[in-house]
Amino acid sequence: MEVVAKALLTVIQEVFITDLWLSPELMVIRPINNKSFRLDNILGRITGVHVYVMLSKEMRFTVTLSSLYTETKVVSK
């Protein structure tokens, strides 16, 4: 995952992320006590780059994937 973090920090144009169940608080580089390497914080640091995230919207009565929470968290950065 460290390679992914380094790649995200060097992006100059676009990032595409697609996932069924994306956690914005995913620790891309550990140790866990350093929150600057959480996915949402890394995405917030890459300025001037278009970030596209495609999430699967769950059916409310069958599976809870927290897609609205994830969308809110990622868009706020």
N, C-alpha and C. Protein backbone atom coordinates (compact mmCIF):
# COMPACT_ATOMS: atom_id res chain seq x y z
N MET A 1 0.82 -1.20 0.00
CA MET A 1 0.00 0.00 0.00
C MET A 1 0.86 1.26 0.00
N GLU A 2 2.10 1.16 0.44
CA GLU A 2 2.97 2.34 0.42
C GLU A 2 3.19 2.83 -1.00
N VAL A 3 3.26 1.90 -1.94
CA VAL A 3 3.42 2.26 -3.36
C VAL A 3 2.21 3.05 -3.84
N VAL A 4 1.02 2.66 -3.40
CA VAL A 4 -0.21 3.37 -3.77
C VAL A 4 -0.18 4.79 -3.23
N ALA A 5 0.23 4.96 -1.98
CA ALA A 5 0.30 6.29 -1.38
C ALA A 5 1.29 7.17 -2.13
N LYS A 6 2.45 6.64 -2.45
CA LYS A 6 3.45 7.43 -3.19
C LYS A 6 2.94 7.79 -4.57
N ALA A 7 2.24 6.86 -5.23
CA ALA A 7 1.68 7.16 -6.55
C ALA A 7 0.62 8.26 -6.45
N LEU A 8 -0.24 8.19 -5.43
CA LEU A 8 -1.26 9.22 -5.26
C LEU A 8 -0.64 10.59 -5.03
N LEU A 9 0.44 10.64 -4.27
CA LEU A 9 1.07 11.92 -3.95
C LEU A 9 1.83 12.52 -5.13
N THR A 10 2.07 11.74 -6.18
CA THR A 10 2.79 12.26 -7.35
C THR A 10 1.88 12.45 -8.56
N VAL A 11 0.58 12.24 -8.39
CA VAL A 11 -0.37 12.40 -9.50
C VAL A 11 -0.41 13.86 -9.92
N ILE A 12 -0.48 14.09 -11.24
CA ILE A 12 -0.54 15.46 -11.72
C ILE A 12 -1.82 15.79 -12.48
N GLN A 13 -2.63 14.77 -12.81
CA GLN A 13 -3.81 15.07 -13.61
C GLN A 13 -5.10 14.47 -13.05
N GLU A 14 -5.21 13.14 -12.99
CA GLU A 14 -6.46 12.50 -12.59
C GLU A 14 -6.22 11.26 -11.74
N VAL A 15 -7.19 11.00 -10.86
CA VAL A 15 -7.20 9.77 -10.06
C VAL A 15 -8.58 9.15 -10.21
N PHE A 16 -8.62 7.86 -10.51
CA PHE A 16 -9.88 7.12 -10.61
C PHE A 16 -9.88 6.03 -9.54
N ILE A 17 -10.92 6.02 -8.71
CA ILE A 17 -11.06 5.00 -7.67
C ILE A 17 -12.44 4.39 -7.81
N THR A 18 -12.51 3.08 -7.83
CA THR A 18 -13.80 2.41 -7.82
C THR A 18 -13.75 1.30 -6.77
N ASP A 19 -14.84 1.16 -6.03
CA ASP A 19 -14.84 0.17 -4.96
C ASP A 19 -16.27 -0.15 -4.58
N LEU A 20 -16.46 -1.35 -4.10
CA LEU A 20 -17.76 -1.75 -3.59
C LEU A 20 -17.97 -1.18 -2.19
N TRP A 21 -16.92 -1.22 -1.38
CA TRP A 21 -17.03 -0.78 0.02
C TRP A 21 -15.75 -0.05 0.38
N LEU A 22 -15.71 1.24 0.11
CA LEU A 22 -14.52 2.07 0.32
C LEU A 22 -14.56 2.70 1.70
N SER A 23 -13.48 2.57 2.43
CA SER A 23 -13.37 3.22 3.73
C SER A 23 -12.45 4.42 3.59
N PRO A 24 -12.96 5.65 3.76
CA PRO A 24 -12.11 6.83 3.62
C PRO A 24 -11.01 6.89 4.68
N GLU A 25 -11.22 6.22 5.81
CA GLU A 25 -10.22 6.23 6.87
C GLU A 25 -9.18 5.13 6.72
N LEU A 26 -9.11 4.51 5.56
CA LEU A 26 -8.15 3.45 5.31
C LEU A 26 -6.72 3.97 5.51
N MET A 27 -5.95 3.27 6.33
CA MET A 27 -4.55 3.65 6.54
C MET A 27 -3.73 3.09 5.38
N VAL A 28 -3.30 3.97 4.48
CA VAL A 28 -2.57 3.54 3.30
C VAL A 28 -1.13 3.20 3.67
N ILE A 29 -0.56 3.99 4.56
CA ILE A 29 0.78 3.69 5.10
C ILE A 29 0.64 3.64 6.62
N ARG A 30 1.18 2.63 7.19
CA ARG A 30 1.16 2.49 8.64
C ARG A 30 2.45 3.05 9.22
N PRO A 31 2.54 3.50 10.41
CA PRO A 31 1.79 3.16 11.62
C PRO A 31 0.47 3.93 11.69
N ILE A 32 -0.43 3.35 12.44
CA ILE A 32 -1.78 3.88 12.52
C ILE A 32 -1.84 5.23 13.23
N ASN A 33 -0.88 5.58 14.07
CA ASN A 33 -0.94 6.84 14.82
C ASN A 33 -0.64 8.06 13.95
N ASN A 34 -0.25 7.88 12.68
CA ASN A 34 0.01 9.00 11.79
C ASN A 34 -1.16 9.13 10.81
N LYS A 35 -2.10 10.04 11.11
CA LYS A 35 -3.32 10.17 10.31
C LYS A 35 -3.09 10.84 8.97
N SER A 36 -1.91 11.36 8.71
CA SER A 36 -1.67 12.02 7.42
C SER A 36 -1.64 11.03 6.27
N PHE A 37 -1.50 9.75 6.57
CA PHE A 37 -1.47 8.74 5.52
C PHE A 37 -2.77 7.94 5.41
N ARG A 38 -3.86 8.52 5.93
CA ARG A 38 -5.17 7.94 5.68
C ARG A 38 -5.59 8.32 4.27
N LEU A 39 -6.39 7.49 3.62
CA LEU A 39 -6.79 7.74 2.24
C LEU A 39 -7.45 9.11 2.07
N ASP A 40 -8.40 9.45 2.95
CA ASP A 40 -9.08 10.74 2.81
C ASP A 40 -8.12 11.92 2.95
N ASN A 41 -7.13 11.81 3.82
CA ASN A 41 -6.17 12.90 3.99
C ASN A 41 -5.20 12.99 2.81
N ILE A 42 -4.83 11.86 2.25
CA ILE A 42 -3.97 11.89 1.06
C ILE A 42 -4.73 12.53 -0.10
N LEU A 43 -5.98 12.15 -0.30
CA LEU A 43 -6.78 12.75 -1.37
C LEU A 43 -6.97 14.25 -1.15
N GLY A 44 -7.05 14.67 0.09
CA GLY A 44 -7.18 16.09 0.40
C GLY A 44 -5.91 16.88 0.13
N ARG A 45 -4.77 16.21 0.15
CA ARG A 45 -3.48 16.89 -0.06
C ARG A 45 -3.11 17.05 -1.52
N ILE A 46 -3.69 16.26 -2.41
CA ILE A 46 -3.30 16.36 -3.82
C ILE A 46 -4.17 17.43 -4.49
N THR A 47 -3.64 18.63 -4.59
CA THR A 47 -4.39 19.76 -5.12
C THR A 47 -4.21 19.87 -6.63
N GLY A 48 -5.22 20.42 -7.28
CA GLY A 48 -5.17 20.61 -8.72
C GLY A 48 -5.34 19.34 -9.52
N VAL A 49 -5.79 18.28 -8.88
CA VAL A 49 -5.96 16.98 -9.52
C VAL A 49 -7.44 16.61 -9.47
N HIS A 50 -7.98 16.13 -10.57
CA HIS A 50 -9.36 15.65 -10.59
C HIS A 50 -9.40 14.25 -9.97
N VAL A 51 -10.23 14.09 -8.95
CA VAL A 51 -10.37 12.80 -8.29
C VAL A 51 -11.79 12.29 -8.57
N TYR A 52 -11.87 11.14 -9.21
CA TYR A 52 -13.15 10.51 -9.53
C TYR A 52 -13.29 9.26 -8.68
N VAL A 53 -14.40 9.18 -7.94
CA VAL A 53 -14.65 8.02 -7.09
C VAL A 53 -16.00 7.43 -7.48
N MET A 54 -16.01 6.17 -7.84
CA MET A 54 -17.26 5.48 -8.18
C MET A 54 -17.55 4.45 -7.09
N LEU A 55 -18.64 4.68 -6.38
CA LEU A 55 -19.05 3.79 -5.30
C LEU A 55 -20.31 3.04 -5.70
N SER A 56 -20.46 1.85 -5.20
CA SER A 56 -21.70 1.11 -5.39
C SER A 56 -22.69 1.56 -4.32
N LYS A 57 -23.86 1.95 -4.75
CA LYS A 57 -24.88 2.36 -3.79
C LYS A 57 -25.63 1.12 -3.33
N GLU A 58 -25.65 0.91 -2.04
CA GLU A 58 -26.28 -0.30 -1.51
C GLU A 58 -27.79 -0.16 -1.48
N MET A 59 -28.46 -1.29 -1.50
CA MET A 59 -29.90 -1.30 -1.29
C MET A 59 -30.11 -1.24 0.21
N ARG A 60 -30.86 -0.28 0.64
CA ARG A 60 -30.98 0.02 2.06
C ARG A 60 -31.43 -1.16 2.92
N PHE A 61 -32.22 -2.05 2.39
CA PHE A 61 -32.77 -3.13 3.20
C PHE A 61 -31.95 -4.41 3.16
N THR A 62 -30.94 -4.46 2.31
CA THR A 62 -30.18 -5.71 2.19
C THR A 62 -28.78 -5.62 2.76
N VAL A 63 -28.03 -4.61 2.36
CA VAL A 63 -26.63 -4.50 2.78
C VAL A 63 -26.34 -3.05 3.15
N THR A 64 -25.60 -2.85 4.21
CA THR A 64 -25.20 -1.51 4.60
C THR A 64 -23.72 -1.33 4.32
N LEU A 65 -23.40 -0.56 3.27
CA LEU A 65 -22.00 -0.30 2.91
C LEU A 65 -21.56 1.10 3.29
N SER A 66 -22.46 1.90 3.83
CA SER A 66 -22.17 3.28 4.23
C SER A 66 -21.68 4.13 3.06
N SER A 67 -22.27 3.94 1.88
CA SER A 67 -21.82 4.69 0.71
C SER A 67 -22.07 6.19 0.86
N LEU A 68 -23.16 6.59 1.51
CA LEU A 68 -23.42 8.01 1.72
C LEU A 68 -22.37 8.61 2.65
N TYR A 69 -22.02 7.91 3.71
CA TYR A 69 -20.96 8.37 4.61
C TYR A 69 -19.64 8.53 3.86
N THR A 70 -19.28 7.53 3.05
CA THR A 70 -18.04 7.57 2.29
C THR A 70 -18.06 8.74 1.32
N GLU A 71 -19.16 8.93 0.62
CA GLU A 71 -19.26 10.05 -0.32
C GLU A 71 -19.08 11.38 0.40
N THR A 72 -19.76 11.56 1.52
CA THR A 72 -19.66 12.80 2.28
C THR A 72 -18.23 13.05 2.74
N LYS A 73 -17.57 12.02 3.23
CA LYS A 73 -16.20 12.13 3.73
C LYS A 73 -15.21 12.50 2.63
N VAL A 74 -15.33 11.83 1.47
CA VAL A 74 -14.39 12.07 0.37
C VAL A 74 -14.63 13.44 -0.25
N VAL A 75 -15.88 13.83 -0.43
CA VAL A 75 -16.19 15.13 -1.04
C VAL A 75 -15.76 16.28 -0.14
N SER A 76 -15.82 16.09 1.17
CA SER A 76 -15.47 17.18 2.09
C SER A 76 -13.98 17.52 2.08
N LYS A 77 -13.14 16.62 1.59
CA LYS A 77 -11.70 16.87 1.54
C LYS A 77 -11.37 17.65 0.30
